[in-house]
Amino acid sequence: MAQARYYLYFCMSAVKARTRRRGTTRISRKNQVTLPVEALKRAGLVPGMVLGVEVDAKRRLVLAPPDDPIERYAGILRYPRGYLRKLRGEWRA
């Protein structure tokens, strides 16, 4: 027994076209935002990058990599020349 097939036909001019200004976005019901590719490229952001979100004084959202003090200061301090060799010698004695 053959099943009846139903097709939906509509006029393309009847479909409401979504027009947005270039570089703008909309917040979804789930509070999701799609960022324009051009803005991401100009900011140097890549997929998988972790970003912190803050609100500035003018109520603008600021997306920036989180400030990690360990990463910022790692390797900034150096031991005096020969100090580690001397310290290791004390351990072996």
Protein backbone atom coordinates (compact mmCIF):
# COMPACT_ATOMS: atom_id res chain seq x y z
CA MET A 1 0.00 0.00 0.00
CA ALA A 2 1.57 3.28 -1.08
CA GLN A 3 1.74 6.11 1.40
CA ALA A 4 0.48 9.48 0.36
CA ARG A 5 3.18 12.14 0.11
CA TYR A 6 2.39 15.67 1.05
CA TYR A 7 4.47 18.61 -0.08
CA LEU A 8 4.47 22.07 1.38
CA TYR A 9 4.60 24.82 -1.19
CA PHE A 10 4.89 28.47 -0.31
CA CYS A 11 5.70 31.69 -2.00
CA MET A 12 9.18 33.00 -1.17
CA SER A 13 7.96 36.58 -1.03
CA ALA A 14 5.61 35.61 1.80
CA VAL A 15 8.50 34.53 4.03
CA LYS A 16 9.63 37.35 6.27
CA ALA A 17 13.28 38.08 5.58
CA ARG A 18 15.49 38.74 8.58
CA THR A 19 17.58 41.77 7.94
CA ARG A 20 20.21 42.85 10.43
CA ARG A 21 22.83 45.48 10.27
CA ARG A 22 26.28 44.12 9.57
CA GLY A 23 28.22 43.53 12.76
CA THR A 24 25.17 43.20 15.00
CA THR A 25 23.74 40.19 16.78
CA ARG A 26 20.75 39.19 18.88
CA ILE A 27 20.47 37.42 22.25
CA SER A 28 18.54 34.14 22.01
CA ARG A 29 16.01 32.84 24.54
CA LYS A 30 18.80 30.72 26.02
CA ASN A 31 20.97 33.85 26.47
CA GLN A 32 23.27 32.76 23.65
CA VAL A 33 25.02 35.25 21.40
CA THR A 34 26.61 34.60 18.03
CA LEU A 35 29.57 36.88 17.42
CA PRO A 36 30.27 38.11 13.88
CA VAL A 37 33.27 36.40 12.28
CA GLU A 38 34.82 39.71 11.24
CA ALA A 39 34.80 40.94 14.86
CA LEU A 40 36.38 37.69 16.07
CA LYS A 41 39.15 37.95 13.48
CA ARG A 42 39.90 41.58 14.32
CA ALA A 43 40.08 40.74 18.04
CA GLY A 44 42.38 37.77 17.42
CA LEU A 45 39.96 35.30 19.03
CA VAL A 46 39.98 31.65 17.97
CA PRO A 47 37.65 28.70 18.66
CA GLY A 48 38.27 27.07 22.05
CA MET A 49 39.71 30.22 23.62
CA VAL A 50 38.55 30.88 27.20
CA LEU A 51 37.20 34.39 27.74
CA GLY A 52 36.20 36.34 30.80
CA VAL A 53 33.08 38.50 30.60
CA GLU A 54 32.84 41.82 32.43
CA VAL A 55 30.58 44.85 32.28
CA ASP A 56 32.23 48.26 32.06
CA ALA A 57 30.93 51.60 33.37
CA LYS A 58 28.91 52.23 30.18
CA ARG A 59 27.11 48.84 30.54
CA ARG A 60 29.08 47.30 27.67
CA LEU A 61 30.15 43.67 27.76
CA VAL A 62 33.90 43.23 27.59
CA LEU A 63 35.23 39.85 26.43
CA ALA A 64 38.88 39.28 27.28
CA PRO A 65 41.13 36.38 28.18
CA PRO A 66 41.02 35.97 31.98
CA ASP A 67 43.91 37.55 33.82
CA ASP A 68 46.01 34.71 35.23
CA PRO A 69 48.63 36.10 37.63
CA ILE A 70 50.59 32.83 37.68
CA GLU A 71 50.91 32.86 33.91
CA ARG A 72 51.81 36.56 33.93
CA TYR A 73 54.56 36.27 36.55
CA ALA A 74 55.88 32.76 35.86
CA GLY A 75 59.60 32.86 35.13
CA ILE A 76 60.04 36.52 36.06
CA LEU A 77 62.29 35.76 39.04
CA ARG A 78 65.71 34.28 38.41
CA TYR A 79 68.16 32.66 40.79
CA PRO A 80 71.66 34.14 41.05
CA ARG A 81 74.24 32.40 38.88
CA GLY A 82 75.44 29.16 40.48
CA TYR A 83 72.81 29.18 43.25
CA LEU A 84 70.98 26.05 42.09
CA ARG A 85 74.23 24.13 41.63
CA LYS A 86 75.23 25.03 45.18
CA LEU A 87 71.79 24.06 46.53
CA ARG A 88 71.86 20.70 44.75
CA GLY A 89 75.30 20.06 46.18
CA GLU A 90 73.87 20.58 49.67
CA TRP A 91 71.16 18.01 48.99
CA ARG A 92 73.68 15.37 47.89
CA ALA A 93 75.93 15.87 50.93
